[in-house]
């Protein structure tokens, strides 16, 4: 299945990409599985995801949790939590 992955803030800086389209294995069916698969790709992904353990996700521009299912062509955004005032 192909998915588009968007990286924001510290993740974008650490990985050196703002987006990529990847073909994921069949068993990558949820946000949690995608997160594990990305980190398992090695550097720079493993360090970027390890350094930000509370990474948030959105699927199709809607906030998602780890159990959110993925479908062919999904757009998944990952970003660290933000603070503001």
PDB file of N, CA and C in Angstrom:
ATOM      1  N   UNK A   1       0.846  -1.163   0.000  1.00  0.00           N
ATOM      2  CA  UNK A   1       0.000   0.000   0.000  1.00  0.00           C
ATOM      3  C   UNK A   1       0.900   1.237   0.000  1.00  0.00           C
ATOM      4  N   UNK A   2       0.538   2.218  -0.801  1.00  0.00           N
ATOM      5  CA  UNK A   2       1.275   3.475  -0.831  1.00  0.00           C
ATOM      6  C   UNK A   2       0.605   4.491   0.075  1.00  0.00           C
ATOM      7  N   UNK A   3       1.433   5.185   0.868  1.00  0.00           N
ATOM      8  CA  UNK A   3       0.949   6.281   1.697  1.00  0.00           C
ATOM      9  C   UNK A   3       1.900   7.464   1.555  1.00  0.00           C
ATOM     10  N   UNK A   4       1.346   8.651   1.728  1.00  0.00           N
ATOM     11  CA  UNK A   4       2.148   9.872   1.761  1.00  0.00           C
ATOM     12  C   UNK A   4       2.386  10.217   3.214  1.00  0.00           C
ATOM     13  N   UNK A   5       3.630  10.487   3.555  1.00  0.00           N
ATOM     14  CA  UNK A   5       3.969  10.837   4.925  1.00  0.00           C
ATOM     15  C   UNK A   5       4.498  12.268   4.922  1.00  0.00           C
ATOM     16  N   UNK A   6       3.932  13.094   5.809  1.00  0.00           N
ATOM     17  CA  UNK A   6       4.371  14.474   5.968  1.00  0.00           C
ATOM     18  C   UNK A   6       5.053  14.605   7.323  1.00  0.00           C
ATOM     19  N   UNK A   7       6.184  15.291   7.360  1.00  0.00           N
ATOM     20  CA  UNK A   7       6.924  15.509   8.599  1.00  0.00           C
ATOM     21  C   UNK A   7       6.939  17.005   8.903  1.00  0.00           C
ATOM     22  N   UNK A   8       6.701  17.359  10.161  1.00  0.00           N
ATOM     23  CA  UNK A   8       6.659  18.757  10.558  1.00  0.00           C
ATOM     24  C   UNK A   8       7.631  19.046  11.699  1.00  0.00           C
ATOM     25  N   UNK A   9       8.032  20.313  11.792  1.00  0.00           N
ATOM     26  CA  UNK A   9       8.843  20.847  12.887  1.00  0.00           C
ATOM     27  C   UNK A   9      10.140  20.063  13.069  1.00  0.00           C
ATOM     28  N   UNK A  10      10.417  19.631  14.297  1.00  0.00           N
ATOM     29  CA  UNK A  10      11.681  18.928  14.590  1.00  0.00           C
ATOM     30  C   UNK A  10      11.859  17.666  13.769  1.00  0.00           C
ATOM     31  N   UNK A  11      10.764  16.991  13.462  1.00  0.00           N
ATOM     32  CA  UNK A  11      10.877  15.776  12.649  1.00  0.00           C
ATOM     33  C   UNK A  11      11.397  16.105  11.254  1.00  0.00           C
ATOM     34  N   UNK A  12      10.852  17.141  10.655  1.00  0.00           N
ATOM     35  CA  UNK A  12      11.295  17.555   9.315  1.00  0.00           C
ATOM     36  C   UNK A  12      12.779  17.901   9.333  1.00  0.00           C
ATOM     37  N   UNK A  13      13.204  18.619  10.360  1.00  0.00           N
ATOM     38  CA  UNK A  13      14.612  18.998  10.466  1.00  0.00           C
ATOM     39  C   UNK A  13      15.507  17.778  10.659  1.00  0.00           C
ATOM     40  N   UNK A  14      15.102  16.860  11.509  1.00  0.00           N
ATOM     41  CA  UNK A  14      15.921  15.679  11.807  1.00  0.00           C
ATOM     42  C   UNK A  14      16.002  14.725  10.618  1.00  0.00           C
ATOM     43  N   UNK A  15      14.904  14.574   9.905  1.00  0.00           N
ATOM     44  CA  UNK A  15      14.854  13.624   8.795  1.00  0.00           C
ATOM     45  C   UNK A  15      15.383  14.241   7.508  1.00  0.00           C
ATOM     46  N   UNK A  16      15.211  15.549   7.373  1.00  0.00           N
ATOM     47  CA  UNK A  16      15.686  16.231   6.171  1.00  0.00           C
ATOM     48  C   UNK A  16      14.698  16.175   5.016  1.00  0.00           C
ATOM     49  N   UNK A  17      13.468  15.800   5.315  1.00  0.00           N
ATOM     50  CA  UNK A  17      12.403  15.740   4.307  1.00  0.00           C
ATOM     51  C   UNK A  17      11.145  16.363   4.900  1.00  0.00           C
ATOM     52  N   UNK A  18      10.351  16.975   4.046  1.00  0.00           N
ATOM     53  CA  UNK A  18       9.056  17.431   4.535  1.00  0.00           C
ATOM     54  C   UNK A  18       7.949  16.455   4.153  1.00  0.00           C
ATOM     55  N   UNK A  19       8.203  15.616   3.145  1.00  0.00           N
ATOM     56  CA  UNK A  19       7.219  14.609   2.744  1.00  0.00           C
ATOM     57  C   UNK A  19       7.904  13.511   1.955  1.00  0.00           C
ATOM     58  N   UNK A  20       7.272  12.359   1.932  1.00  0.00           N
ATOM     59  CA  UNK A  20       7.712  11.258   1.085  1.00  0.00           C
ATOM     60  C   UNK A  20       6.529  10.337   0.835  1.00  0.00           C
ATOM     61  N   UNK A  21       6.557   9.673  -0.289  1.00  0.00           N
ATOM     62  CA  UNK A  21       5.557   8.662  -0.615  1.00  0.00           C
ATOM     63  C   UNK A  21       6.267   7.320  -0.523  1.00  0.00           C
ATOM     64  N   UNK A  22       5.698   6.415   0.270  1.00  0.00           N
ATOM     65  CA  UNK A  22       6.339   5.125   0.503  1.00  0.00           C
ATOM     66  C   UNK A  22       5.367   3.988   0.245  1.00  0.00           C
ATOM     67  N   UNK A  23       5.930   2.857  -0.084  1.00  0.00           N
ATOM     68  CA  UNK A  23       5.180   1.603  -0.198  1.00  0.00           C
ATOM     69  C   UNK A  23       5.419   0.850   1.102  1.00  0.00           C
ATOM     70  N   UNK A  24       4.369   0.622   1.869  1.00  0.00           N
ATOM     71  CA  UNK A  24       4.528  -0.056   3.154  1.00  0.00           C
ATOM     72  C   UNK A  24       4.080  -1.517   3.033  1.00  0.00           C
ATOM     73  N   UNK A  25       4.628  -2.378   3.892  1.00  0.00           N
ATOM     74  CA  UNK A  25       4.216  -3.787   3.878  1.00  0.00           C
ATOM     75  C   UNK A  25       2.736  -3.943   4.232  1.00  0.00           C
ATOM     76  N   UNK A  26       2.171  -5.071   3.867  1.00  0.00           N
ATOM     77  CA  UNK A  26       0.747  -5.344   4.110  1.00  0.00           C
ATOM     78  C   UNK A  26       0.354  -5.254   5.576  1.00  0.00           C
ATOM     79  N   UNK A  27       1.265  -5.604   6.481  1.00  0.00           N
ATOM     80  CA  UNK A  27       0.918  -5.613   7.897  1.00  0.00           C
ATOM     81  C   UNK A  27       0.910  -4.225   8.526  1.00  0.00           C
ATOM     82  N   UNK A  28       1.255  -3.200   7.780  1.00  0.00           N
ATOM     83  CA  UNK A  28       1.199  -1.821   8.280  1.00  0.00           C
ATOM     84  C   UNK A  28      -0.212  -1.299   7.991  1.00  0.00           C
ATOM     85  N   UNK A  29      -1.091  -1.504   8.973  1.00  0.00           N
ATOM     86  CA  UNK A  29      -2.504  -1.184   8.774  1.00  0.00           C
ATOM     87  C   UNK A  29      -3.021  -0.068   9.667  1.00  0.00           C
ATOM     88  N   UNK A  30      -2.171   0.444  10.574  1.00  0.00           N
ATOM     89  CA  UNK A  30      -2.614   1.474  11.514  1.00  0.00           C
ATOM     90  C   UNK A  30      -1.510   2.514  11.688  1.00  0.00           C
ATOM     91  N   UNK A  31      -1.865   3.606  12.342  1.00  0.00           N
ATOM     92  CA  UNK A  31      -0.873   4.648  12.625  1.00  0.00           C
ATOM     93  C   UNK A  31       0.262   4.080  13.477  1.00  0.00           C
ATOM     94  N   UNK A  32      -0.052   3.275  14.485  1.00  0.00           N
ATOM     95  CA  UNK A  32       0.991   2.694  15.335  1.00  0.00           C
ATOM     96  C   UNK A  32       1.933   1.817  14.528  1.00  0.00           C
ATOM     97  N   UNK A  33       1.387   1.000  13.642  1.00  0.00           N
ATOM     98  CA  UNK A  33       2.225   0.127  12.816  1.00  0.00           C
ATOM     99  C   UNK A  33       3.086   0.950  11.867  1.00  0.00           C
ATOM    100  N   UNK A  34       2.535   2.039  11.329  1.00  0.00           N
ATOM    101  CA  UNK A  34       3.319   2.904  10.450  1.00  0.00           C
ATOM    102  C   UNK A  34       4.445   3.567  11.219  1.00  0.00           C
ATOM    103  N   UNK A  35       4.158   4.028  12.413  1.00  0.00           N
ATOM    104  CA  UNK A  35       5.177   4.653  13.260  1.00  0.00           C
ATOM    105  C   UNK A  35       6.331   3.671  13.517  1.00  0.00           C
ATOM    106  N   UNK A  36       6.001   2.426  13.864  1.00  0.00           N
ATOM    107  CA  UNK A  36       7.043   1.407  14.107  1.00  0.00           C
ATOM    108  C   UNK A  36       7.830   1.129  12.832  1.00  0.00           C
ATOM    109  N   UNK A  37       7.138   1.024  11.707  1.00  0.00           N
ATOM    110  CA  UNK A  37       7.800   0.739  10.432  1.00  0.00           C
ATOM    111  C   UNK A  37       8.752   1.870  10.066  1.00  0.00           C
ATOM    112  N   UNK A  38       8.322   3.104  10.231  1.00  0.00           N
ATOM    113  CA  UNK A  38       9.187   4.256   9.923  1.00  0.00           C
ATOM    114  C   UNK A  38      10.435   4.218  10.787  1.00  0.00           C
ATOM    115  N   UNK A  39      10.267   4.060  12.094  1.00  0.00           N
ATOM    116  CA  UNK A  39      11.418   4.039  13.003  1.00  0.00           C
ATOM    117  C   UNK A  39      12.343   2.870  12.683  1.00  0.00           C
ATOM    118  N   UNK A  40      11.797   1.768  12.191  1.00  0.00           N
ATOM    119  CA  UNK A  40      12.596   0.594  11.861  1.00  0.00           C
ATOM    120  C   UNK A  40      13.380   0.717  10.568  1.00  0.00           C
ATOM    121  N   UNK A  41      13.197   1.813   9.851  1.00  0.00           N
ATOM    122  CA  UNK A  41      13.912   2.012   8.589  1.00  0.00           C
ATOM    123  C   UNK A  41      15.372   2.400   8.817  1.00  0.00           C
ATOM    124  N   UNK A  42      15.748   2.669  10.043  1.00  0.00           N
ATOM    125  CA  UNK A  42      17.124   3.085  10.324  1.00  0.00           C
ATOM    126  C   UNK A  42      17.222   4.596  10.380  1.00  0.00           C
ATOM    127  N   UNK A  43      18.441   5.073  10.275  1.00  0.00           N
ATOM    128  CA  UNK A  43      18.679   6.519  10.361  1.00  0.00           C
ATOM    129  C   UNK A  43      18.273   7.213   9.074  1.00  0.00           C
ATOM    130  N   UNK A  44      17.774   8.408   9.163  1.00  0.00           N
ATOM    131  CA  UNK A  44      17.586   9.273  10.331  1.00  0.00           C
ATOM    132  C   UNK A  44      16.238   9.090  11.022  1.00  0.00           C
ATOM    133  N   UNK A  45      15.391   8.204  10.491  1.00  0.00           N
ATOM    134  CA  UNK A  45      14.042   8.042  11.026  1.00  0.00           C
ATOM    135  C   UNK A  45      14.036   7.523  12.461  1.00  0.00           C
ATOM    136  N   UNK A  46      14.881   6.527  12.751  1.00  0.00           N
ATOM    137  CA  UNK A  46      14.857   5.939  14.097  1.00  0.00           C
ATOM    138  C   UNK A  46      15.201   6.979  15.158  1.00  0.00           C
ATOM    139  N   UNK A  47      16.212   7.786  14.934  1.00  0.00           N
ATOM    140  CA  UNK A  47      16.577   8.825  15.906  1.00  0.00           C
ATOM    141  C   UNK A  47      15.505   9.892  16.016  1.00  0.00           C
ATOM    142  N   UNK A  48      14.952  10.300  14.893  1.00  0.00           N
ATOM    143  CA  UNK A  48      13.932  11.353  14.906  1.00  0.00           C
ATOM    144  C   UNK A  48      12.706  10.919  15.704  1.00  0.00           C
ATOM    145  N   UNK A  49      12.270   9.686  15.522  1.00  0.00           N
ATOM    146  CA  UNK A  49      11.082   9.221  16.231  1.00  0.00           C
ATOM    147  C   UNK A  49      11.393   8.869  17.683  1.00  0.00           C
ATOM    148  N   UNK A  50      12.610   8.443  17.978  1.00  0.00           N
ATOM    149  CA  UNK A  50      12.995   8.152  19.364  1.00  0.00           C
ATOM    150  C   UNK A  50      13.138   9.435  20.166  1.00  0.00           C
ATOM    151  N   UNK A  51      13.585  10.505  19.519  1.00  0.00           N
ATOM    152  CA  UNK A  51      13.813  11.774  20.203  1.00  0.00           C
ATOM    153  C   UNK A  51      12.509  12.491  20.534  1.00  0.00           C
ATOM    154  N   UNK A  52      11.449  12.126  19.897  1.00  0.00           N
ATOM    155  CA  UNK A  52      10.153  12.768  20.126  1.00  0.00           C
ATOM    156  C   UNK A  52       9.099  11.700  20.411  1.00  0.00           C
ATOM    157  N   UNK A  53       9.117  11.131  21.622  1.00  0.00           N
ATOM    158  CA  UNK A  53       8.226  10.007  21.916  1.00  0.00           C
ATOM    159  C   UNK A  53       6.739  10.343  21.895  1.00  0.00           C
ATOM    160  N   UNK A  54       6.386  11.606  21.992  1.00  0.00           N
ATOM    161  CA  UNK A  54       4.973  11.979  22.010  1.00  0.00           C
ATOM    162  C   UNK A  54       4.536  12.559  20.667  1.00  0.00           C
ATOM    163  N   UNK A  55       4.979  11.980  19.608  1.00  0.00           N
ATOM    164  CA  UNK A  55       4.649  12.447  18.268  1.00  0.00           C
ATOM    165  C   UNK A  55       3.152  12.278  18.014  1.00  0.00           C
ATOM    166  N   UNK A  56       2.533  13.334  17.540  1.00  0.00           N
ATOM    167  CA  UNK A  56       1.115  13.306  17.187  1.00  0.00           C
ATOM    168  C   UNK A  56       0.976  12.915  15.721  1.00  0.00           C
ATOM    169  N   UNK A  57      -0.203  12.467  15.347  1.00  0.00           N
ATOM    170  CA  UNK A  57      -0.447  12.072  13.959  1.00  0.00           C
ATOM    171  C   UNK A  57      -1.807  12.577  13.506  1.00  0.00           C
ATOM    172  N   UNK A  58      -1.897  12.795  12.206  1.00  0.00           N
ATOM    173  CA  UNK A  58      -3.171  13.119  11.566  1.00  0.00           C
ATOM    174  C   UNK A  58      -3.256  12.281  10.296  1.00  0.00           C
ATOM    175  N   UNK A  59      -4.426  11.779  10.016  1.00  0.00           N
ATOM    176  CA  UNK A  59      -4.661  11.009   8.791  1.00  0.00           C
ATOM    177  C   UNK A  59      -5.739  11.762   8.006  1.00  0.00           C
ATOM    178  N   UNK A  60      -5.386  12.144   6.808  1.00  0.00           N
ATOM    179  CA  UNK A  60      -6.343  12.914   6.015  1.00  0.00           C
ATOM    180  C   UNK A  60      -6.719  14.224   6.668  1.00  0.00           C
ATOM    181  N   UNK A  61      -5.761  14.859   7.342  1.00  0.00           N
ATOM    182  CA  UNK A  61      -5.941  16.158   8.008  1.00  0.00           C
ATOM    183  C   UNK A  61      -6.881  16.120   9.205  1.00  0.00           C
ATOM    184  N   UNK A  62      -7.084  14.921   9.757  1.00  0.00           N
ATOM    185  CA  UNK A  62      -7.894  14.750  10.954  1.00  0.00           C
ATOM    186  C   UNK A  62      -7.020  14.091  12.009  1.00  0.00           C
ATOM    187  N   UNK A  63      -7.001  14.650  13.221  1.00  0.00           N
ATOM    188  CA  UNK A  63      -6.185  14.075  14.289  1.00  0.00           C
ATOM    189  C   UNK A  63      -6.508  12.588  14.433  1.00  0.00           C
ATOM    190  N   UNK A  64      -5.467  11.808  14.636  1.00  0.00           N
ATOM    191  CA  UNK A  64      -5.621  10.354  14.691  1.00  0.00           C
ATOM    192  C   UNK A  64      -4.906   9.794  15.907  1.00  0.00           C
ATOM    193  N   UNK A  65      -5.370   8.655  16.378  1.00  0.00           N
ATOM    194  CA  UNK A  65      -4.641   7.959  17.432  1.00  0.00           C
ATOM    195  C   UNK A  65      -3.962   6.737  16.829  1.00  0.00           C
ATOM    196  N   UNK A  66      -3.253   6.010  17.662  1.00  0.00           N
ATOM    197  CA  UNK A  66      -2.471   4.876  17.160  1.00  0.00           C
ATOM    198  C   UNK A  66      -3.326   3.791  16.501  1.00  0.00           C
ATOM    199  N   UNK A  67      -4.579   3.692  16.874  1.00  0.00           N
ATOM    200  CA  UNK A  67      -5.428   2.634  16.312  1.00  0.00           C
ATOM    201  C   UNK A  67      -6.086   3.031  14.991  1.00  0.00           C
ATOM    202  N   UNK A  68      -5.911   4.268  14.551  1.00  0.00           N
ATOM    203  CA  UNK A  68      -6.539   4.722  13.301  1.00  0.00           C
ATOM    204  C   UNK A  68      -6.031   3.887  12.134  1.00  0.00           C
ATOM    205  N   UNK A  69      -6.970   3.356  11.368  1.00  0.00           N
ATOM    206  CA  UNK A  69      -6.629   2.504  10.232  1.00  0.00           C
ATOM    207  C   UNK A  69      -6.131   3.325   9.051  1.00  0.00           C
ATOM    208  N   UNK A  70      -5.247   2.714   8.269  1.00  0.00           N
ATOM    209  CA  UNK A  70      -4.718   3.345   7.063  1.00  0.00           C
ATOM    210  C   UNK A  70      -5.318   2.669   5.837  1.00  0.00           C
ATOM    211  N   UNK A  71      -5.458   3.447   4.789  1.00  0.00           N
ATOM    212  CA  UNK A  71      -5.948   2.921   3.522  1.00  0.00           C
ATOM    213  C   UNK A  71      -5.009   3.353   2.409  1.00  0.00           C
ATOM    214  N   UNK A  72      -5.081   2.689   1.287  1.00  0.00           N
ATOM    215  CA  UNK A  72      -4.286   3.038   0.110  1.00  0.00           C
ATOM    216  C   UNK A  72      -4.411   4.530  -0.174  1.00  0.00           C
ATOM    217  N   UNK A  73      -3.274   5.188  -0.370  1.00  0.00           N
ATOM    218  CA  UNK A  73      -3.262   6.603  -0.714  1.00  0.00           C
ATOM    219  C   UNK A  73      -3.430   7.539   0.459  1.00  0.00           C
ATOM    220  N   UNK A  74      -3.437   7.016   1.679  1.00  0.00           N
ATOM    221  CA  UNK A  74      -3.624   7.866   2.855  1.00  0.00           C
ATOM    222  C   UNK A  74      -2.511   8.905   2.954  1.00  0.00           C
ATOM    223  N   UNK A  75      -2.859  10.072   3.476  1.00  0.00           N
ATOM    224  CA  UNK A  75      -1.874  11.103   3.798  1.00  0.00           C
ATOM    225  C   UNK A  75      -1.766  11.146   5.317  1.00  0.00           C
ATOM    226  N   UNK A  76      -0.576  10.825   5.833  1.00  0.00           N
ATOM    227  CA  UNK A  76      -0.349  10.758   7.264  1.00  0.00           C
ATOM    228  C   UNK A  76       0.678  11.810   7.634  1.00  0.00           C
ATOM    229  N   UNK A  77       0.302  12.692   8.550  1.00  0.00           N
ATOM    230  CA  UNK A  77       1.212  13.743   9.018  1.00  0.00           C
ATOM    231  C   UNK A  77       1.673  13.405  10.425  1.00  0.00           C
ATOM    232  N   UNK A  78       2.966  13.572  10.660  1.00  0.00           N
ATOM    233  CA  UNK A  78       3.535  13.376  11.995  1.00  0.00           C
ATOM    234  C   UNK A  78       4.146  14.687  12.459  1.00  0.00           C
ATOM    235  N   UNK A  79       3.885  15.049  13.714  1.00  0.00           N
ATOM    236  CA  UNK A  79       4.437  16.278  14.254  1.00  0.00           C
ATOM    237  C   UNK A  79       4.555  16.167  15.762  1.00  0.00           C
ATOM    238  N   UNK A  80       5.585  16.810  16.324  1.00  0.00           N
ATOM    239  CA  UNK A  80       5.735  16.790  17.779  1.00  0.00           C
ATOM    240  C   UNK A  80       4.656  17.666  18.412  1.00  0.00           C
ATOM    241  N   UNK A  81       4.384  17.435  19.698  1.00  0.00           N
ATOM    242  CA  UNK A  81       3.388  18.274  20.366  1.00  0.00           C
ATOM    243  C   UNK A  81       3.850  19.729  20.359  1.00  0.00           C
ATOM    244  N   UNK A  82       2.909  20.614  20.296  1.00  0.00           N
ATOM    245  CA  UNK A  82       3.242  22.041  20.253  1.00  0.00           C
ATOM    246  C   UNK A  82       2.787  22.713  21.541  1.00  0.00           C
ATOM    247  N   UNK A  83       3.498  23.730  21.883  1.00  0.00           N
ATOM    248  CA  UNK A  83       3.087  24.547  23.033  1.00  0.00           C
ATOM    249  C   UNK A  83       2.844  25.950  22.529  1.00  0.00           C
ATOM    250  N   UNK A  84       2.089  26.643  23.230  1.00  0.00           N
ATOM    251  CA  UNK A  84       1.795  28.013  22.822  1.00  0.00           C
ATOM    252  C   UNK A  84       1.316  28.821  23.994  1.00  0.00           C
ATOM    253  N   UNK A  85       1.119  30.046  23.731  1.00  0.00           N
ATOM    254  CA  UNK A  85       0.657  30.883  24.841  1.00  0.00           C
ATOM    255  C   UNK A  85      -0.111  32.042  24.318  1.00  0.00           C
TER     256      UNK A  85
END
